[in-house]
Amino acid sequence: MEIQLSKIEQVLKLSLNGRLDGVTASIVEKEFQAQIDLGERLFVFDLTHVSYISSAGLRAVLIAAKKTKSVQGKLAFVGLDDNVKEVFDMSGFSTILSIYSTEQEAIQAFQA
């Protein structure tokens, strides 16, 4: 799992590359916690290059959402391919998380 960080206005974008599974979920959790600890509060997870997400990956996503909420932050997801979107849909995550087609849409939603 490769995580690339970039800042767009006040929003931290985490671009994930690889599989989000039992082996890599902890890497994402640790990086996300580090960013919370640094004071970041607005996040966009770009999953464009994530081809697979397991239940452990869903757990990491849920933990990120809960931590964001606990610090009064905002979190959005963009770039879900068909496989990842299907997992989000089947798990019900599509109804409880903010999912957008583009990062620009997500950033605009944060400003609304």
PDB file of N, CA and C in Angstrom:
ATOM      1  N   MET A   1       0.860  -1.184   0.000  1.00  0.00           N
ATOM      2  CA  MET A   1       0.000   0.000   0.000  1.00  0.00           C
ATOM      3  C   MET A   1       0.894   1.231   0.000  1.00  0.00           C
ATOM      4  N   GLU A   2       0.612   2.078  -0.931  1.00  0.00           N
ATOM      5  CA  GLU A   2       1.320   3.352  -1.031  1.00  0.00           C
ATOM      6  C   GLU A   2       0.307   4.455  -0.734  1.00  0.00           C
ATOM      7  N   ILE A   3       0.707   5.406   0.115  1.00  0.00           N
ATOM      8  CA  ILE A   3      -0.163   6.533   0.453  1.00  0.00           C
ATOM      9  C   ILE A   3       0.553   7.820   0.075  1.00  0.00           C
ATOM     10  N   GLN A   4      -0.083   8.583  -0.780  1.00  0.00           N
ATOM     11  CA  GLN A   4       0.478   9.865  -1.204  1.00  0.00           C
ATOM     12  C   GLN A   4      -0.384  10.968  -0.601  1.00  0.00           C
ATOM     13  N   LEU A   5       0.260  11.908   0.077  1.00  0.00           N
ATOM     14  CA  LEU A   5      -0.444  13.015   0.708  1.00  0.00           C
ATOM     15  C   LEU A   5      -0.265  14.280  -0.116  1.00  0.00           C
ATOM     16  N   SER A   6      -1.344  15.038  -0.254  1.00  0.00           N
ATOM     17  CA  SER A   6      -1.260  16.340  -0.914  1.00  0.00           C
ATOM     18  C   SER A   6      -2.325  17.244  -0.313  1.00  0.00           C
ATOM     19  N   LYS A   7      -2.054  18.524  -0.339  1.00  0.00           N
ATOM     20  CA  LYS A   7      -2.971  19.495   0.267  1.00  0.00           C
ATOM     21  C   LYS A   7      -3.646  20.287  -0.852  1.00  0.00           C
ATOM     22  N   ILE A   8      -4.975  20.361  -0.789  1.00  0.00           N
ATOM     23  CA  ILE A   8      -5.762  21.140  -1.733  1.00  0.00           C
ATOM     24  C   ILE A   8      -6.555  22.117  -0.888  1.00  0.00           C
ATOM     25  N   GLU A   9      -6.168  23.388  -0.936  1.00  0.00           N
ATOM     26  CA  GLU A   9      -6.753  24.392  -0.055  1.00  0.00           C
ATOM     27  C   GLU A   9      -6.537  23.919   1.383  1.00  0.00           C
ATOM     28  N   GLN A  10      -7.589  23.765   2.166  1.00  0.00           N
ATOM     29  CA  GLN A  10      -7.451  23.300   3.557  1.00  0.00           C
ATOM     30  C   GLN A  10      -7.655  21.793   3.699  1.00  0.00           C
ATOM     31  N   VAL A  11      -7.820  21.104   2.582  1.00  0.00           N
ATOM     32  CA  VAL A  11      -8.178  19.685   2.599  1.00  0.00           C
ATOM     33  C   VAL A  11      -6.944  18.814   2.348  1.00  0.00           C
ATOM     34  N   LEU A  12      -6.774  17.804   3.197  1.00  0.00           N
ATOM     35  CA  LEU A  12      -5.695  16.846   2.992  1.00  0.00           C
ATOM     36  C   LEU A  12      -6.225  15.686   2.167  1.00  0.00           C
ATOM     37  N   LYS A  13      -5.588  15.449   1.044  1.00  0.00           N
ATOM     38  CA  LYS A  13      -5.971  14.337   0.168  1.00  0.00           C
ATOM     39  C   LYS A  13      -5.014  13.178   0.415  1.00  0.00           C
ATOM     40  N   LEU A  14      -5.577  12.024   0.699  1.00  0.00           N
ATOM     41  CA  LEU A  14      -4.809  10.799   0.859  1.00  0.00           C
ATOM     42  C   LEU A  14      -5.106   9.917  -0.341  1.00  0.00           C
ATOM     43  N   SER A  15      -4.145   9.799  -1.232  1.00  0.00           N
ATOM     44  CA  SER A  15      -4.311   8.958  -2.419  1.00  0.00           C
ATOM     45  C   SER A  15      -3.725   7.589  -2.110  1.00  0.00           C
ATOM     46  N   LEU A  16      -4.588   6.579  -2.134  1.00  0.00           N
ATOM     47  CA  LEU A  16      -4.154   5.217  -1.828  1.00  0.00           C
ATOM     48  C   LEU A  16      -3.900   4.459  -3.120  1.00  0.00           C
ATOM     49  N   ASN A  17      -2.869   3.628  -3.086  1.00  0.00           N
ATOM     50  CA  ASN A  17      -2.501   2.847  -4.264  1.00  0.00           C
ATOM     51  C   ASN A  17      -2.219   1.424  -3.819  1.00  0.00           C
ATOM     52  N   GLY A  18      -3.049   0.487  -4.265  1.00  0.00           N
ATOM     53  CA  GLY A  18      -2.857  -0.915  -3.906  1.00  0.00           C
ATOM     54  C   GLY A  18      -4.131  -1.516  -3.352  1.00  0.00           C
ATOM     55  N   ARG A  19      -3.961  -2.619  -2.662  1.00  0.00           N
ATOM     56  CA  ARG A  19      -5.095  -3.323  -2.049  1.00  0.00           C
ATOM     57  C   ARG A  19      -5.273  -2.823  -0.622  1.00  0.00           C
ATOM     58  N   LEU A  20      -6.501  -2.610  -0.226  1.00  0.00           N
ATOM     59  CA  LEU A  20      -6.796  -2.220   1.150  1.00  0.00           C
ATOM     60  C   LEU A  20      -7.369  -3.456   1.842  1.00  0.00           C
ATOM     61  N   ASP A  21      -6.461  -4.196   2.483  1.00  0.00           N
ATOM     62  CA  ASP A  21      -6.832  -5.487   3.057  1.00  0.00           C
ATOM     63  C   ASP A  21      -6.240  -5.643   4.451  1.00  0.00           C
ATOM     64  N   GLY A  22      -6.262  -6.853   4.963  1.00  0.00           N
ATOM     65  CA  GLY A  22      -5.771  -7.133   6.305  1.00  0.00           C
ATOM     66  C   GLY A  22      -4.312  -6.783   6.517  1.00  0.00           C
ATOM     67  N   VAL A  23      -3.534  -6.840   5.480  1.00  0.00           N
ATOM     68  CA  VAL A  23      -2.109  -6.523   5.579  1.00  0.00           C
ATOM     69  C   VAL A  23      -1.879  -5.013   5.554  1.00  0.00           C
ATOM     70  N   THR A  24      -2.633  -4.304   4.757  1.00  0.00           N
ATOM     71  CA  THR A  24      -2.364  -2.875   4.537  1.00  0.00           C
ATOM     72  C   THR A  24      -3.260  -1.920   5.319  1.00  0.00           C
ATOM     73  N   ALA A  25      -4.361  -2.416   5.862  1.00  0.00           N
ATOM     74  CA  ALA A  25      -5.299  -1.529   6.565  1.00  0.00           C
ATOM     75  C   ALA A  25      -4.625  -0.808   7.730  1.00  0.00           C
ATOM     76  N   SER A  26      -3.757  -1.497   8.451  1.00  0.00           N
ATOM     77  CA  SER A  26      -3.101  -0.866   9.607  1.00  0.00           C
ATOM     78  C   SER A  26      -2.188   0.275   9.173  1.00  0.00           C
ATOM     79  N   ILE A  27      -1.617   0.178   7.993  1.00  0.00           N
ATOM     80  CA  ILE A  27      -0.770   1.257   7.467  1.00  0.00           C
ATOM     81  C   ILE A  27      -1.615   2.509   7.266  1.00  0.00           C
ATOM     82  N   VAL A  28      -2.787   2.336   6.696  1.00  0.00           N
ATOM     83  CA  VAL A  28      -3.704   3.457   6.459  1.00  0.00           C
ATOM     84  C   VAL A  28      -4.169   4.039   7.794  1.00  0.00           C
ATOM     85  N   GLU A  29      -4.528   3.169   8.732  1.00  0.00           N
ATOM     86  CA  GLU A  29      -4.981   3.636  10.050  1.00  0.00           C
ATOM     87  C   GLU A  29      -3.910   4.468  10.740  1.00  0.00           C
ATOM     88  N   LYS A  30      -2.666   3.998  10.711  1.00  0.00           N
ATOM     89  CA  LYS A  30      -1.565   4.721  11.379  1.00  0.00           C
ATOM     90  C   LYS A  30      -1.309   6.065  10.719  1.00  0.00           C
ATOM     91  N   GLU A  31      -1.311   6.105   9.397  1.00  0.00           N
ATOM     92  CA  GLU A  31      -1.072   7.374   8.686  1.00  0.00           C
ATOM     93  C   GLU A  31      -2.210   8.352   8.969  1.00  0.00           C
ATOM     94  N   PHE A  32      -3.429   7.858   8.957  1.00  0.00           N
ATOM     95  CA  PHE A  32      -4.571   8.728   9.220  1.00  0.00           C
ATOM     96  C   PHE A  32      -4.493   9.299  10.634  1.00  0.00           C
ATOM     97  N   GLN A  33      -4.176   8.453  11.610  1.00  0.00           N
ATOM     98  CA  GLN A  33      -4.051   8.922  12.991  1.00  0.00           C
ATOM     99  C   GLN A  33      -2.951   9.972  13.112  1.00  0.00           C
ATOM    100  N   ALA A  34      -1.852   9.765  12.415  1.00  0.00           N
ATOM    101  CA  ALA A  34      -0.754  10.746  12.436  1.00  0.00           C
ATOM    102  C   ALA A  34      -1.234  12.101  11.919  1.00  0.00           C
ATOM    103  N   GLN A  35      -2.054  12.097  10.890  1.00  0.00           N
ATOM    104  CA  GLN A  35      -2.554  13.356  10.325  1.00  0.00           C
ATOM    105  C   GLN A  35      -3.557  14.029  11.271  1.00  0.00           C
ATOM    106  N   ILE A  36      -4.376  13.241  11.940  1.00  0.00           N
ATOM    107  CA  ILE A  36      -5.285  13.784  12.965  1.00  0.00           C
ATOM    108  C   ILE A  36      -4.446  14.440  14.066  1.00  0.00           C
ATOM    109  N   ASP A  37      -3.396  13.738  14.499  1.00  0.00           N
ATOM    110  CA  ASP A  37      -2.527  14.250  15.565  1.00  0.00           C
ATOM    111  C   ASP A  37      -1.825  15.542  15.163  1.00  0.00           C
ATOM    112  N   LEU A  38      -1.588  15.719  13.868  1.00  0.00           N
ATOM    113  CA  LEU A  38      -0.961  16.953  13.362  1.00  0.00           C
ATOM    114  C   LEU A  38      -1.966  18.093  13.223  1.00  0.00           C
ATOM    115  N   GLY A  39      -3.240  17.805  13.490  1.00  0.00           N
ATOM    116  CA  GLY A  39      -4.250  18.849  13.467  1.00  0.00           C
ATOM    117  C   GLY A  39      -5.084  18.931  12.207  1.00  0.00           C
ATOM    118  N   GLU A  40      -4.900  17.986  11.296  1.00  0.00           N
ATOM    119  CA  GLU A  40      -5.721  17.977  10.081  1.00  0.00           C
ATOM    120  C   GLU A  40      -7.160  17.617  10.444  1.00  0.00           C
ATOM    121  N   ARG A  41      -8.115  18.231   9.748  1.00  0.00           N
ATOM    122  CA  ARG A  41      -9.525  17.982  10.050  1.00  0.00           C
ATOM    123  C   ARG A  41     -10.378  17.732   8.806  1.00  0.00           C
ATOM    124  N   LEU A  42      -9.903  18.099   7.632  1.00  0.00           N
ATOM    125  CA  LEU A  42     -10.653  17.910   6.386  1.00  0.00           C
ATOM    126  C   LEU A  42      -9.890  16.922   5.512  1.00  0.00           C
ATOM    127  N   PHE A  43     -10.545  15.826   5.159  1.00  0.00           N
ATOM    128  CA  PHE A  43      -9.867  14.743   4.450  1.00  0.00           C
ATOM    129  C   PHE A  43     -10.650  14.278   3.229  1.00  0.00           C
ATOM    130  N   VAL A  44      -9.907  13.990   2.169  1.00  0.00           N
ATOM    131  CA  VAL A  44     -10.457  13.293   1.008  1.00  0.00           C
ATOM    132  C   VAL A  44      -9.584  12.067   0.777  1.00  0.00           C
ATOM    133  N   PHE A  45     -10.212  10.901   0.804  1.00  0.00           N
ATOM    134  CA  PHE A  45      -9.532   9.670   0.442  1.00  0.00           C
ATOM    135  C   PHE A  45      -9.770   9.434  -1.041  1.00  0.00           C
ATOM    136  N   ASP A  46      -8.706   9.415  -1.829  1.00  0.00           N
ATOM    137  CA  ASP A  46      -8.804   9.109  -3.259  1.00  0.00           C
ATOM    138  C   ASP A  46      -8.507   7.624  -3.435  1.00  0.00           C
ATOM    139  N   LEU A  47      -9.527   6.874  -3.815  1.00  0.00           N
ATOM    140  CA  LEU A  47      -9.403   5.419  -3.962  1.00  0.00           C
ATOM    141  C   LEU A  47      -9.298   4.996  -5.426  1.00  0.00           C
ATOM    142  N   THR A  48      -8.935   5.920  -6.293  1.00  0.00           N
ATOM    143  CA  THR A  48      -8.840   5.637  -7.727  1.00  0.00           C
ATOM    144  C   THR A  48      -7.969   4.415  -8.013  1.00  0.00           C
ATOM    145  N   HIS A  49      -6.881   4.263  -7.259  1.00  0.00           N
ATOM    146  CA  HIS A  49      -5.934   3.175  -7.525  1.00  0.00           C
ATOM    147  C   HIS A  49      -6.030   2.048  -6.500  1.00  0.00           C
ATOM    148  N   VAL A  50      -7.195   1.946  -5.865  1.00  0.00           N
ATOM    149  CA  VAL A  50      -7.467   0.822  -4.966  1.00  0.00           C
ATOM    150  C   VAL A  50      -8.368  -0.144  -5.724  1.00  0.00           C
ATOM    151  N   SER A  51      -7.843  -1.329  -5.995  1.00  0.00           N
ATOM    152  CA  SER A  51      -8.590  -2.291  -6.802  1.00  0.00           C
ATOM    153  C   SER A  51      -9.369  -3.290  -5.956  1.00  0.00           C
ATOM    154  N   TYR A  52      -9.076  -3.336  -4.658  1.00  0.00           N
ATOM    155  CA  TYR A  52      -9.711  -4.329  -3.792  1.00  0.00           C
ATOM    156  C   TYR A  52      -9.790  -3.773  -2.381  1.00  0.00           C
ATOM    157  N   ILE A  53     -10.904  -4.024  -1.712  1.00  0.00           N
ATOM    158  CA  ILE A  53     -11.040  -3.657  -0.304  1.00  0.00           C
ATOM    159  C   ILE A  53     -11.699  -4.819   0.434  1.00  0.00           C
ATOM    160  N   SER A  54     -11.062  -5.239   1.517  1.00  0.00           N
ATOM    161  CA  SER A  54     -11.568  -6.352   2.316  1.00  0.00           C
ATOM    162  C   SER A  54     -12.329  -5.819   3.522  1.00  0.00           C
ATOM    163  N   SER A  55     -12.799  -6.725   4.361  1.00  0.00           N
ATOM    164  CA  SER A  55     -13.491  -6.298   5.580  1.00  0.00           C
ATOM    165  C   SER A  55     -12.539  -5.513   6.488  1.00  0.00           C
ATOM    166  N   ALA A  56     -11.270  -5.871   6.499  1.00  0.00           N
ATOM    167  CA  ALA A  56     -10.289  -5.111   7.287  1.00  0.00           C
ATOM    168  C   ALA A  56     -10.122  -3.706   6.708  1.00  0.00           C
ATOM    169  N   GLY A  57     -10.194  -3.587   5.398  1.00  0.00           N
ATOM    170  CA  GLY A  57     -10.142  -2.278   4.757  1.00  0.00           C
ATOM    171  C   GLY A  57     -11.359  -1.446   5.108  1.00  0.00           C
ATOM    172  N   LEU A  58     -12.538  -2.081   5.130  1.00  0.00           N
ATOM    173  CA  LEU A  58     -13.759  -1.382   5.529  1.00  0.00           C
ATOM    174  C   LEU A  58     -13.657  -0.914   6.975  1.00  0.00           C
ATOM    175  N   ARG A  59     -13.051  -1.733   7.801  1.00  0.00           N
ATOM    176  CA  ARG A  59     -12.860  -1.351   9.206  1.00  0.00           C
ATOM    177  C   ARG A  59     -11.989  -0.107   9.291  1.00  0.00           C
ATOM    178  N   ALA A  60     -10.915  -0.050   8.506  1.00  0.00           N
ATOM    179  CA  ALA A  60     -10.037   1.130   8.500  1.00  0.00           C
ATOM    180  C   ALA A  60     -10.803   2.372   8.060  1.00  0.00           C
ATOM    181  N   VAL A  61     -11.672   2.211   7.075  1.00  0.00           N
ATOM    182  CA  VAL A  61     -12.500   3.323   6.595  1.00  0.00           C
ATOM    183  C   VAL A  61     -13.445   3.797   7.701  1.00  0.00           C
ATOM    184  N   LEU A  62     -14.062   2.849   8.386  1.00  0.00           N
ATOM    185  CA  LEU A  62     -14.988   3.189   9.465  1.00  0.00           C
ATOM    186  C   LEU A  62     -14.266   3.881  10.626  1.00  0.00           C
ATOM    187  N   ILE A  63     -13.082   3.403  10.968  1.00  0.00           N
ATOM    188  CA  ILE A  63     -12.284   4.034  12.025  1.00  0.00           C
ATOM    189  C   ILE A  63     -11.943   5.468  11.633  1.00  0.00           C
ATOM    190  N   ALA A  64     -11.553   5.671  10.374  1.00  0.00           N
ATOM    191  CA  ALA A  64     -11.243   7.029   9.903  1.00  0.00           C
ATOM    192  C   ALA A  64     -12.466   7.934  10.023  1.00  0.00           C
ATOM    193  N   ALA A  65     -13.627   7.407   9.663  1.00  0.00           N
ATOM    194  CA  ALA A  65     -14.861   8.204   9.740  1.00  0.00           C
ATOM    195  C   ALA A  65     -15.170   8.572  11.189  1.00  0.00           C
ATOM    196  N   LYS A  66     -15.031   7.624  12.102  1.00  0.00           N
ATOM    197  CA  LYS A  66     -15.314   7.888  13.513  1.00  0.00           C
ATOM    198  C   LYS A  66     -14.326   8.890  14.109  1.00  0.00           C
ATOM    199  N   LYS A  67     -13.055   8.744  13.761  1.00  0.00           N
ATOM    200  CA  LYS A  67     -12.050   9.678  14.278  1.00  0.00           C
ATOM    201  C   LYS A  67     -12.287  11.083  13.735  1.00  0.00           C
ATOM    202  N   THR A  68     -12.663  11.171  12.483  1.00  0.00           N
ATOM    203  CA  THR A  68     -12.949  12.474  11.887  1.00  0.00           C
ATOM    204  C   THR A  68     -14.117  13.132  12.604  1.00  0.00           C
ATOM    205  N   LYS A  69     -15.141  12.360  12.845  1.00  0.00           N
ATOM    206  CA  LYS A  69     -16.322  12.895  13.539  1.00  0.00           C
ATOM    207  C   LYS A  69     -15.971  13.343  14.954  1.00  0.00           C
ATOM    208  N   SER A  70     -15.095  12.596  15.630  1.00  0.00           N
ATOM    209  CA  SER A  70     -14.743  12.916  17.014  1.00  0.00           C
ATOM    210  C   SER A  70     -13.976  14.232  17.146  1.00  0.00           C
ATOM    211  N   VAL A  71     -13.353  14.684  16.049  1.00  0.00           N
ATOM    212  CA  VAL A  71     -12.616  15.964  16.075  1.00  0.00           C
ATOM    213  C   VAL A  71     -13.363  17.036  15.280  1.00  0.00           C
ATOM    214  N   GLN A  72     -14.655  16.809  15.025  1.00  0.00           N
ATOM    215  CA  GLN A  72     -15.508  17.722  14.271  1.00  0.00           C
ATOM    216  C   GLN A  72     -14.923  18.031  12.883  1.00  0.00           C
ATOM    217  N   GLY A  73     -14.361  17.010  12.256  1.00  0.00           N
ATOM    218  CA  GLY A  73     -13.810  17.162  10.919  1.00  0.00           C
ATOM    219  C   GLY A  73     -14.782  16.683   9.861  1.00  0.00           C
ATOM    220  N   LYS A  74     -14.295  16.630   8.631  1.00  0.00           N
ATOM    221  CA  LYS A  74     -15.098  16.145   7.511  1.00  0.00           C
ATOM    222  C   LYS A  74     -14.247  15.181   6.686  1.00  0.00           C
ATOM    223  N   LEU A  75     -14.919  14.169   6.144  1.00  0.00           N
ATOM    224  CA  LEU A  75     -14.245  13.112   5.406  1.00  0.00           C
ATOM    225  C   LEU A  75     -15.075  12.756   4.183  1.00  0.00           C
ATOM    226  N   ALA A  76     -14.405  12.605   3.048  1.00  0.00           N
ATOM    227  CA  ALA A  76     -15.086  12.205   1.816  1.00  0.00           C
ATOM    228  C   ALA A  76     -14.222  11.192   1.073  1.00  0.00           C
ATOM    229  N   PHE A  77     -14.879  10.443   0.206  1.00  0.00           N
ATOM    230  CA  PHE A  77     -14.200   9.444  -0.612  1.00  0.00           C
ATOM    231  C   PHE A  77     -14.477   9.733  -2.079  1.00  0.00           C
ATOM    232  N   VAL A  78     -13.450   9.596  -2.904  1.00  0.00           N
ATOM    233  CA  VAL A  78     -13.593   9.806  -4.343  1.00  0.00           C
ATOM    234  C   VAL A  78     -12.866   8.685  -5.084  1.00  0.00           C
ATOM    235  N   GLY A  79     -13.218   8.530  -6.359  1.00  0.00           N
ATOM    236  CA  GLY A  79     -12.497   7.614  -7.234  1.00  0.00           C
ATOM    237  C   GLY A  79     -12.745   6.136  -6.987  1.00  0.00           C
ATOM    238  N   LEU A  80     -13.928   5.782  -6.526  1.00  0.00           N
ATOM    239  CA  LEU A  80     -14.219   4.366  -6.288  1.00  0.00           C
ATOM    240  C   LEU A  80     -14.430   3.648  -7.621  1.00  0.00           C
ATOM    241  N   ASP A  81     -13.636   2.594  -7.854  1.00  0.00           N
ATOM    242  CA  ASP A  81     -13.882   1.814  -9.066  1.00  0.00           C
ATOM    243  C   ASP A  81     -15.097   0.913  -8.818  1.00  0.00           C
ATOM    244  N   ASP A  82     -15.523   0.205  -9.832  1.00  0.00           N
ATOM    245  CA  ASP A  82     -16.751  -0.583  -9.736  1.00  0.00           C
ATOM    246  C   ASP A  82     -16.702  -1.621  -8.610  1.00  0.00           C
ATOM    247  N   ASN A  83     -15.543  -2.283  -8.455  1.00  0.00           N
ATOM    248  CA  ASN A  83     -15.419  -3.316  -7.412  1.00  0.00           C
ATOM    249  C   ASN A  83     -15.517  -2.713  -6.017  1.00  0.00           C
ATOM    250  N   VAL A  84     -14.797  -1.627  -5.792  1.00  0.00           N
ATOM    251  CA  VAL A  84     -14.803  -0.978  -4.483  1.00  0.00           C
ATOM    252  C   VAL A  84     -16.182  -0.382  -4.207  1.00  0.00           C
ATOM    253  N   LYS A  85     -16.794   0.216  -5.215  1.00  0.00           N
ATOM    254  CA  LYS A  85     -18.137   0.790  -5.036  1.00  0.00           C
ATOM    255  C   LYS A  85     -19.137  -0.303  -4.668  1.00  0.00           C
ATOM    256  N   GLU A  86     -19.019  -1.449  -5.288  1.00  0.00           N
ATOM    257  CA  GLU A  86     -19.921  -2.558  -4.980  1.00  0.00           C
ATOM    258  C   GLU A  86     -19.767  -3.001  -3.522  1.00  0.00           C
ATOM    259  N   VAL A  87     -18.537  -3.057  -3.036  1.00  0.00           N
ATOM    260  CA  VAL A  87     -18.299  -3.422  -1.634  1.00  0.00           C
ATOM    261  C   VAL A  87     -18.893  -2.363  -0.709  1.00  0.00           C
ATOM    262  N   PHE A  88     -18.700  -1.080  -1.044  1.00  0.00           N
ATOM    263  CA  PHE A  88     -19.287   0.006  -0.250  1.00  0.00           C
ATOM    264  C   PHE A  88     -20.814  -0.105  -0.261  1.00  0.00           C
ATOM    265  N   ASP A  89     -21.394  -0.412  -1.414  1.00  0.00           N
ATOM    266  CA  ASP A  89     -22.848  -0.541  -1.525  1.00  0.00           C
ATOM    267  C   ASP A  89     -23.363  -1.725  -0.704  1.00  0.00           C
ATOM    268  N   MET A  90     -22.720  -2.875  -0.850  1.00  0.00           N
ATOM    269  CA  MET A  90     -23.166  -4.091  -0.164  1.00  0.00           C
ATOM    270  C   MET A  90     -23.026  -3.974   1.351  1.00  0.00           C
ATOM    271  N   SER A  91     -22.019  -3.245   1.799  1.00  0.00           N
ATOM    272  CA  SER A  91     -21.777  -3.106   3.240  1.00  0.00           C
ATOM    273  C   SER A  91     -22.624  -1.999   3.865  1.00  0.00           C
ATOM    274  N   GLY A  92     -23.273  -1.203   3.013  1.00  0.00           N
ATOM    275  CA  GLY A  92     -24.067  -0.087   3.517  1.00  0.00           C
ATOM    276  C   GLY A  92     -23.257   1.179   3.732  1.00  0.00           C
ATOM    277  N   PHE A  93     -21.964   1.135   3.448  1.00  0.00           N
ATOM    278  CA  PHE A  93     -21.104   2.301   3.648  1.00  0.00           C
ATOM    279  C   PHE A  93     -21.489   3.450   2.717  1.00  0.00           C
ATOM    280  N   SER A  94     -22.059   3.122   1.569  1.00  0.00           N
ATOM    281  CA  SER A  94     -22.458   4.176   0.622  1.00  0.00           C
ATOM    282  C   SER A  94     -23.528   5.081   1.206  1.00  0.00           C
ATOM    283  N   THR A  95     -24.280   4.564   2.163  1.00  0.00           N
ATOM    284  CA  THR A  95     -25.353   5.368   2.749  1.00  0.00           C
ATOM    285  C   THR A  95     -24.890   6.181   3.951  1.00  0.00           C
ATOM    286  N   ILE A  96     -23.760   5.822   4.550  1.00  0.00           N
ATOM    287  CA  ILE A  96     -23.304   6.539   5.747  1.00  0.00           C
ATOM    288  C   ILE A  96     -22.066   7.393   5.521  1.00  0.00           C
ATOM    289  N   LEU A  97     -21.409   7.226   4.371  1.00  0.00           N
ATOM    290  CA  LEU A  97     -20.202   7.992   4.065  1.00  0.00           C
ATOM    291  C   LEU A  97     -20.469   8.954   2.916  1.00  0.00           C
ATOM    292  N   SER A  98     -19.673  10.000   2.862  1.00  0.00           N
ATOM    293  CA  SER A  98     -19.778  10.972   1.761  1.00  0.00           C
ATOM    294  C   SER A  98     -18.892  10.503   0.619  1.00  0.00           C
ATOM    295  N   ILE A  99     -19.527  10.177  -0.506  1.00  0.00           N
ATOM    296  CA  ILE A  99     -18.813   9.672  -1.683  1.00  0.00           C
ATOM    297  C   ILE A  99     -19.127  10.584  -2.858  1.00  0.00           C
ATOM    298  N   TYR A 100     -18.063  11.004  -3.549  1.00  0.00           N
ATOM    299  CA  TYR A 100     -18.210  11.928  -4.672  1.00  0.00           C
ATOM    300  C   TYR A 100     -17.454  11.385  -5.879  1.00  0.00           C
ATOM    301  N   SER A 101     -17.823  11.879  -7.047  1.00  0.00           N
ATOM    302  CA  SER A 101     -17.167  11.458  -8.283  1.00  0.00           C
ATOM    303  C   SER A 101     -15.766  12.048  -8.400  1.00  0.00           C
ATOM    304  N   THR A 102     -15.626  13.302  -7.961  1.00  0.00           N
ATOM    305  CA  THR A 102     -14.337  13.988  -8.097  1.00  0.00           C
ATOM    306  C   THR A 102     -13.935  14.645  -6.782  1.00  0.00           C
ATOM    307  N   GLU A 103     -12.654  14.914  -6.649  1.00  0.00           N
ATOM    308  CA  GLU A 103     -12.183  15.599  -5.439  1.00  0.00           C
ATOM    309  C   GLU A 103     -12.721  17.020  -5.378  1.00  0.00           C
ATOM    310  N   GLN A 104     -12.929  17.648  -6.532  1.00  0.00           N
ATOM    311  CA  GLN A 104     -13.471  19.007  -6.553  1.00  0.00           C
ATOM    312  C   GLN A 104     -14.883  19.037  -5.971  1.00  0.00           C
ATOM    313  N   GLU A 105     -15.693  18.049  -6.309  1.00  0.00           N
ATOM    314  CA  GLU A 105     -17.046  17.949  -5.741  1.00  0.00           C
ATOM    315  C   GLU A 105     -16.973  17.786  -4.222  1.00  0.00           C
ATOM    316  N   ALA A 106     -16.048  16.971  -3.765  1.00  0.00           N
ATOM    317  CA  ALA A 106     -15.896  16.750  -2.321  1.00  0.00           C
ATOM    318  C   ALA A 106     -15.494  18.041  -1.618  1.00  0.00           C
ATOM    319  N   ILE A 107     -14.544  18.748  -2.175  1.00  0.00           N
ATOM    320  CA  ILE A 107     -14.074  20.003  -1.573  1.00  0.00           C
ATOM    321  C   ILE A 107     -15.203  21.029  -1.548  1.00  0.00           C
ATOM    322  N   GLN A 108     -15.961  21.106  -2.625  1.00  0.00           N
ATOM    323  CA  GLN A 108     -17.094  22.039  -2.662  1.00  0.00           C
ATOM    324  C   GLN A 108     -18.125  21.678  -1.599  1.00  0.00           C
ATOM    325  N   ALA A 109     -18.344  20.392  -1.372  1.00  0.00           N
ATOM    326  CA  ALA A 109     -19.300  19.958  -0.350  1.00  0.00           C
ATOM    327  C   ALA A 109     -18.815  20.369   1.038  1.00  0.00           C
ATOM    328  N   PHE A 110     -17.506  20.356   1.265  1.00  0.00           N
ATOM    329  CA  PHE A 110     -16.961  20.785   2.555  1.00  0.00           C
ATOM    330  C   PHE A 110     -17.235  22.259   2.799  1.00  0.00           C
ATOM    331  N   GLN A 111     -17.250  23.040   1.735  1.00  0.00           N
ATOM    332  CA  GLN A 111     -17.415  24.486   1.855  1.00  0.00           C
ATOM    333  C   GLN A 111     -18.875  24.891   1.978  1.00  0.00           C
ATOM    334  N   ALA A 112     -19.780  23.971   1.700  1.00  0.00           N
ATOM    335  CA  ALA A 112     -21.217  24.292   1.752  1.00  0.00           C
ATOM    336  C   ALA A 112     -21.718  24.393   3.177  1.00  0.00           C
TER     337      ALA A 112
END
